Amino acid sequence: MIFDGPCVKVKRFVNEGMMICCCPLASGSKGNCVYVGTEETKILIDAGISYRQLVLRLSQMEISLDQIDAILITHEHADHISGLQTLTGKYPIPVLANSETAKGILEALSLHSKFKIFSTGESFEFGDLEIFPFSVQHDALDPVGFTVRREASQLGFCTDLGFATTLVKESLKKCDYLYLEANHQVSMVHSSNRPFLYKQRVLSRQGHLSNEACAELLSEIYHKGLKKVHLAHLSSECNSEELALKIVKERLDALGAEVELLIAYQDRASRPFILGSQALSSCDVR
């Protein structure tokens, strides 16, 4: 069941302890950040946008940074961590990362917050959330995706991977919601003016997931409980929103799948939504 309404409705449901609120705040090569929250626990996944933009986009949901309990980091590339130094200088928010990613961050930035180290492949609890960090194939030190579970609801976050391994598929196949990379169209990468080394990297198994690879992954892990997917980390030069949606939708339509497909935007927050065991509801950013 889908309900539309203002963000105060999200706050009411979450305050009753029934739901998780999620909102992609930015997605792409210029910066990445996702908000996930319950009444008890509020986290960011990555912090690759400016402090000013983060404050602005959270405020549209009536969320302030002093309510954020932790920042989970997928990997140490700049578009996922560039906002950390200013953010942690103003707020003592713990940064959750595996040890190799933490080392990479400290080589790039001077942080004021303490790290909380998790082990890739081992679930852990943070507040009322159960978080599972799983390995992905990318040219970083120890990159991960995440699943975030609260009771019967599970969200999956997986970008910056060149190839979907069996582990990735197993980790994501029971999610109610997915934030999944559809970075490029292969033919557009080949025809672009980007350097040869860039093309090699993007198209490699340590690079990024294409539209076709995203569609193939979704067709393999689709189940009737999957209700919403954000296509994420779209290339501004080697992809388009229309093309990514078309390719993925055609594959899902062939399965008879009923999934809401959306784009996670780079220049603005996407529409936040609430997820619970009985309903998936969306609301407008004010």
Protein backbone atom coordinates (compact mmCIF):
# COMPACT_ATOMS: atom_id res chain seq x y z
CA MET A 1 0.00 0.00 0.00
CA ILE A 2 1.35 3.44 -0.98
CA PHE A 3 0.45 6.68 0.79
CA ASP A 4 1.46 10.16 -0.35
CA GLY A 5 1.64 13.03 2.07
CA PRO A 6 3.87 15.60 3.77
CA CYS A 7 7.01 14.71 5.65
CA VAL A 8 5.25 15.19 8.99
CA LYS A 9 3.47 11.94 8.17
CA VAL A 10 6.85 10.24 7.90
CA LYS A 11 7.82 11.65 11.28
CA ARG A 12 4.58 10.40 12.83
CA PHE A 13 5.04 6.84 11.58
CA VAL A 14 8.69 6.76 12.59
CA ASN A 15 7.88 8.22 15.99
CA GLU A 16 5.46 5.36 16.54
CA GLY A 17 8.38 2.97 16.02
CA MET A 18 6.84 1.34 12.97
CA MET A 19 8.97 2.49 10.08
CA ILE A 20 12.33 3.36 8.57
CA CYS A 21 12.70 6.61 6.65
CA CYS A 22 15.17 6.71 3.76
CA CYS A 23 16.24 9.47 1.41
CA PRO A 24 19.04 9.55 -1.17
CA LEU A 25 20.53 13.01 -0.66
CA ALA A 26 23.06 12.94 -3.51
CA SER A 27 24.26 10.30 -5.95
CA GLY A 28 26.97 10.50 -8.59
CA SER A 29 30.61 11.29 -9.25
CA LYS A 30 30.26 14.76 -7.66
CA GLY A 31 29.19 13.36 -4.29
CA ASN A 32 27.21 10.63 -2.55
CA CYS A 33 25.13 10.55 0.61
CA VAL A 34 22.02 8.68 1.80
CA TYR A 35 19.95 9.25 4.95
CA VAL A 36 18.40 6.30 6.82
CA GLY A 37 16.53 6.82 10.07
CA THR A 38 14.17 5.49 12.69
CA GLU A 39 12.96 7.25 15.81
CA GLU A 40 15.87 5.75 17.76
CA THR A 41 18.69 5.72 15.19
CA LYS A 42 19.61 8.09 12.37
CA ILE A 43 22.57 7.46 10.08
CA LEU A 44 24.19 8.68 6.90
CA ILE A 45 25.71 6.33 4.36
CA ASP A 46 28.73 8.21 2.96
CA ALA A 47 29.35 11.95 3.21
CA GLY A 48 30.59 13.09 -0.16
CA ILE A 49 28.76 16.42 -0.42
CA SER A 50 29.50 19.80 1.10
CA TYR A 51 28.47 20.68 4.63
CA ARG A 52 26.17 23.41 3.30
CA GLN A 53 24.36 21.06 0.92
CA LEU A 54 24.06 18.35 3.56
CA VAL A 55 22.46 20.76 6.02
CA LEU A 56 20.12 22.05 3.32
CA ARG A 57 18.97 18.66 2.09
CA LEU A 58 18.46 17.22 5.56
CA SER A 59 16.51 20.31 6.60
CA GLN A 60 13.99 19.59 3.86
CA MET A 61 13.01 16.57 5.96
CA GLU A 62 13.21 18.55 9.20
CA ILE A 63 16.32 16.61 10.20
CA SER A 64 19.34 18.37 11.74
CA LEU A 65 22.92 17.15 11.93
CA ASP A 66 22.87 16.98 15.71
CA GLN A 67 20.34 14.16 15.31
CA ILE A 68 22.70 12.02 13.21
CA ASP A 69 24.14 9.15 15.24
CA ALA A 70 26.75 7.81 12.80
CA ILE A 71 28.20 8.01 9.30
CA LEU A 72 28.78 4.70 7.53
CA ILE A 73 31.44 4.76 4.82
CA THR A 74 31.44 2.41 1.83
CA HIS A 75 34.99 3.24 0.66
CA GLU A 76 37.58 6.00 0.70
CA HIS A 77 37.10 7.63 -2.73
CA ALA A 78 36.62 11.40 -2.59
CA ASP A 79 33.03 11.43 -3.85
CA HIS A 80 32.07 9.42 -0.76
CA ILE A 81 34.12 11.17 1.95
CA SER A 82 34.83 14.75 0.84
CA GLY A 83 32.37 16.26 3.33
CA LEU A 84 33.67 14.32 6.33
CA GLN A 85 36.35 16.73 7.52
CA THR A 86 34.09 19.78 7.85
CA LEU A 87 31.19 17.73 9.14
CA THR A 88 33.14 15.97 11.88
CA GLY A 89 34.83 19.24 12.79
CA LYS A 90 31.44 20.70 13.67
CA TYR A 91 29.73 17.60 15.11
CA PRO A 92 31.37 14.70 17.00
CA ILE A 93 29.60 12.08 14.90
CA PRO A 94 31.31 8.67 14.91
CA VAL A 95 32.49 7.34 11.56
CA LEU A 96 31.86 3.64 10.95
CA ALA A 97 34.21 1.93 8.49
CA ASN A 98 36.32 -1.17 8.10
CA SER A 99 39.98 -0.88 9.05
CA GLU A 100 41.38 -0.53 5.53
CA THR A 101 38.88 2.16 4.58
CA ALA A 102 39.59 3.99 7.85
CA LYS A 103 43.31 4.00 7.01
CA GLY A 104 42.56 5.37 3.55
CA ILE A 105 40.38 8.13 4.97
CA LEU A 106 43.05 9.17 7.47
CA GLU A 107 45.60 9.38 4.66
CA ALA A 108 43.32 11.80 2.81
CA LEU A 109 41.69 13.84 5.60
CA SER A 110 42.20 15.11 9.12
CA LEU A 111 39.17 13.94 11.03
CA HIS A 112 37.96 15.15 14.40
CA SER A 113 35.66 12.20 15.13
CA LYS A 114 36.58 8.75 16.32
CA PHE A 115 36.26 5.71 14.11
CA LYS A 116 34.18 2.71 15.03
CA ILE A 117 35.64 -0.22 13.10
CA PHE A 118 33.48 -3.00 11.71
CA SER A 119 34.60 -6.22 10.01
CA THR A 120 33.52 -6.71 6.41
CA GLY A 121 31.22 -9.71 6.16
CA GLU A 122 30.08 -9.57 9.79
CA SER A 123 26.70 -8.14 10.83
CA PHE A 124 26.57 -5.68 13.70
CA GLU A 125 23.89 -3.78 15.58
CA PHE A 126 23.80 0.00 15.82
CA GLY A 127 20.84 1.35 17.77
CA ASP A 128 17.77 -0.48 16.52
CA LEU A 129 19.37 -1.25 13.14
CA GLU A 130 21.12 -4.44 12.08
CA ILE A 131 23.79 -3.60 9.51
CA PHE A 132 25.60 -6.03 7.23
CA PRO A 133 28.65 -4.78 5.29
CA PHE A 134 29.47 -7.02 2.31
CA SER A 135 32.41 -6.90 -0.10
CA VAL A 136 32.05 -5.43 -3.58
CA GLN A 137 34.44 -5.39 -6.55
CA HIS A 138 35.87 -1.87 -6.94
CA ASP A 139 39.28 -0.21 -7.14
CA ALA A 140 39.39 0.81 -3.48
CA LEU A 141 41.07 -0.64 -0.38
CA ASP A 142 38.17 -2.68 1.03
CA PRO A 143 34.92 -1.39 -0.52
CA VAL A 144 31.55 -2.52 0.78
CA GLY A 145 27.84 -2.31 0.22
CA PHE A 146 25.37 -2.41 3.09
CA THR A 147 22.09 -3.97 4.01
CA VAL A 148 20.20 -2.24 6.81
CA ARG A 149 17.50 -4.20 8.62
CA ARG A 150 14.94 -3.25 11.22
CA GLU A 151 12.63 -6.07 12.23
CA ALA A 152 11.06 -7.37 8.98
CA SER A 153 12.20 -4.46 6.78
CA GLN A 154 15.49 -4.59 4.86
CA LEU A 155 17.14 -1.97 2.66
CA GLY A 156 20.11 -2.64 0.37
CA PHE A 157 22.75 -0.12 -0.76
CA CYS A 158 25.19 -1.16 -3.45
CA THR A 159 27.09 1.17 -5.79
CA ASP A 160 30.65 1.45 -7.06
CA LEU A 161 31.11 -2.13 -8.23
CA GLY A 162 32.30 -3.43 -11.56
CA PHE A 163 30.79 -6.88 -11.22
CA ALA A 164 28.00 -8.41 -9.14
CA THR A 165 29.46 -11.43 -7.38
CA THR A 166 27.45 -14.29 -5.88
CA LEU A 167 27.99 -12.64 -2.48
CA VAL A 168 26.43 -9.40 -3.72
CA LYS A 169 23.42 -11.26 -5.10
CA GLU A 170 22.93 -13.26 -1.92
CA SER A 171 23.23 -10.13 0.22
CA LEU A 172 20.63 -8.15 -1.75
CA LYS A 173 18.07 -10.75 -2.77
CA LYS A 174 15.75 -10.39 0.24
CA CYS A 175 15.60 -6.59 0.34
CA ASP A 176 12.34 -4.63 0.26
CA TYR A 177 14.20 -1.62 -1.18
CA LEU A 178 17.38 -1.29 -3.25
CA TYR A 179 19.71 1.61 -3.97
CA LEU A 180 21.63 0.14 -6.88
CA GLU A 181 24.21 1.42 -9.32
CA ALA A 182 23.34 1.98 -12.99
CA ASN A 183 26.40 4.03 -13.84
CA HIS A 184 26.80 3.99 -17.61
CA GLN A 185 25.78 2.77 -21.03
CA VAL A 186 28.72 0.80 -22.43
CA SER A 187 28.37 2.24 -25.94
CA MET A 188 28.39 5.78 -24.55
CA VAL A 189 31.62 5.12 -22.64
CA HIS A 190 33.30 3.88 -25.82
CA SER A 191 32.12 6.90 -27.85
CA SER A 192 32.94 9.49 -25.17
CA ASN A 193 35.98 11.77 -25.22
CA ARG A 194 37.20 10.38 -21.91
CA PRO A 195 40.81 9.09 -21.76
CA PHE A 196 41.45 5.44 -22.62
CA LEU A 197 42.57 4.65 -19.06
CA TYR A 198 39.28 6.06 -17.72
CA LYS A 199 37.30 3.84 -20.10
CA GLN A 200 39.33 0.81 -19.09
CA ARG A 201 38.72 1.49 -15.41
CA VAL A 202 34.97 2.13 -15.67
CA LEU A 203 34.37 -0.95 -17.81
CA SER A 204 36.56 -3.29 -15.75
CA ARG A 205 35.46 -5.66 -13.01
CA GLN A 206 36.85 -3.13 -10.52
CA GLY A 207 34.89 -0.25 -12.05
CA HIS A 208 31.20 0.56 -12.22
CA LEU A 209 27.99 -1.30 -13.05
CA SER A 210 26.43 -0.60 -16.46
CA ASN A 211 22.71 -0.21 -17.14
CA GLU A 212 22.59 -3.71 -18.62
CA ALA A 213 24.49 -5.23 -15.70
CA CYS A 214 22.15 -3.47 -13.25
CA ALA A 215 19.13 -4.83 -15.13
CA GLU A 216 20.63 -8.33 -15.14
CA LEU A 217 21.34 -8.18 -11.40
CA LEU A 218 17.82 -7.01 -10.63
CA SER A 219 16.32 -9.76 -12.77
CA GLU A 220 18.30 -12.34 -10.80
CA ILE A 221 17.45 -11.07 -7.31
CA TYR A 222 13.89 -9.86 -7.89
CA HIS A 223 11.21 -11.17 -5.55
CA LYS A 224 7.66 -10.06 -4.88
CA GLY A 225 8.67 -8.28 -1.70
CA LEU A 226 10.90 -5.85 -3.61
CA LYS A 227 8.80 -2.73 -4.07
CA LYS A 228 11.12 0.20 -4.77
CA VAL A 229 14.49 0.69 -6.47
CA HIS A 230 16.58 3.82 -6.83
CA LEU A 231 18.98 3.70 -9.77
CA ALA A 232 22.11 5.37 -8.43
CA HIS A 233 25.50 6.82 -9.37
CA LEU A 234 24.49 7.66 -12.96
CA SER A 235 27.27 9.11 -15.10
CA SER A 236 26.45 12.61 -16.31
CA GLU A 237 28.35 12.07 -19.57
CA CYS A 238 27.95 8.35 -20.32
CA ASN A 239 24.34 7.76 -19.30
CA SER A 240 20.94 9.41 -19.07
CA GLU A 241 18.05 9.02 -16.66
CA GLU A 242 15.70 8.04 -19.49
CA LEU A 243 18.03 5.37 -20.85
CA ALA A 244 18.79 3.82 -17.46
CA LEU A 245 15.10 3.65 -16.58
CA LYS A 246 14.19 2.22 -19.99
CA ILE A 247 16.75 -0.59 -19.94
CA VAL A 248 16.04 -1.67 -16.37
CA LYS A 249 12.26 -1.37 -16.76
CA GLU A 250 12.23 -3.51 -19.91
CA ARG A 251 14.04 -6.31 -18.09
CA LEU A 252 11.73 -6.14 -15.07
CA ASP A 253 8.60 -5.91 -17.23
CA ALA A 254 9.67 -9.13 -18.95
CA LEU A 255 9.50 -10.79 -15.52
CA GLY A 256 6.10 -9.30 -14.75
CA ALA A 257 7.74 -7.49 -11.85
CA GLU A 258 5.84 -4.67 -10.13
CA VAL A 259 8.63 -2.41 -8.87
CA GLU A 260 8.72 1.38 -8.57
CA LEU A 261 11.86 2.55 -10.39
CA LEU A 262 13.30 5.94 -9.49
CA ILE A 263 16.46 7.94 -10.08
CA ALA A 264 18.74 9.00 -7.21
CA TYR A 265 19.68 12.55 -8.19
CA GLN A 266 23.06 14.27 -8.03
CA ASP A 267 21.98 17.90 -7.69
CA ARG A 268 19.11 17.51 -5.22
CA ALA A 269 17.62 15.15 -2.70
CA SER A 270 15.33 12.46 -4.02
CA ARG A 271 11.87 12.01 -2.58
CA PRO A 272 12.11 10.45 0.91
CA PHE A 273 10.01 7.40 1.71
CA ILE A 274 9.08 5.25 4.67
CA LEU A 275 9.39 1.51 4.77
CA GLY A 276 7.73 -0.87 7.20
CA SER A 277 6.54 -4.42 7.47
CA GLN A 278 3.05 -3.54 6.27
CA ALA A 279 3.48 -0.58 3.92
CA LEU A 280 5.78 1.35 1.68
CA SER A 281 4.92 5.02 1.76
CA SER A 282 6.41 8.10 0.13
CA CYS A 283 6.28 11.76 0.92
CA ASP A 284 7.30 15.02 -0.66
CA VAL A 285 10.43 16.92 0.31
CA ARG A 286 9.24 20.34 1.37
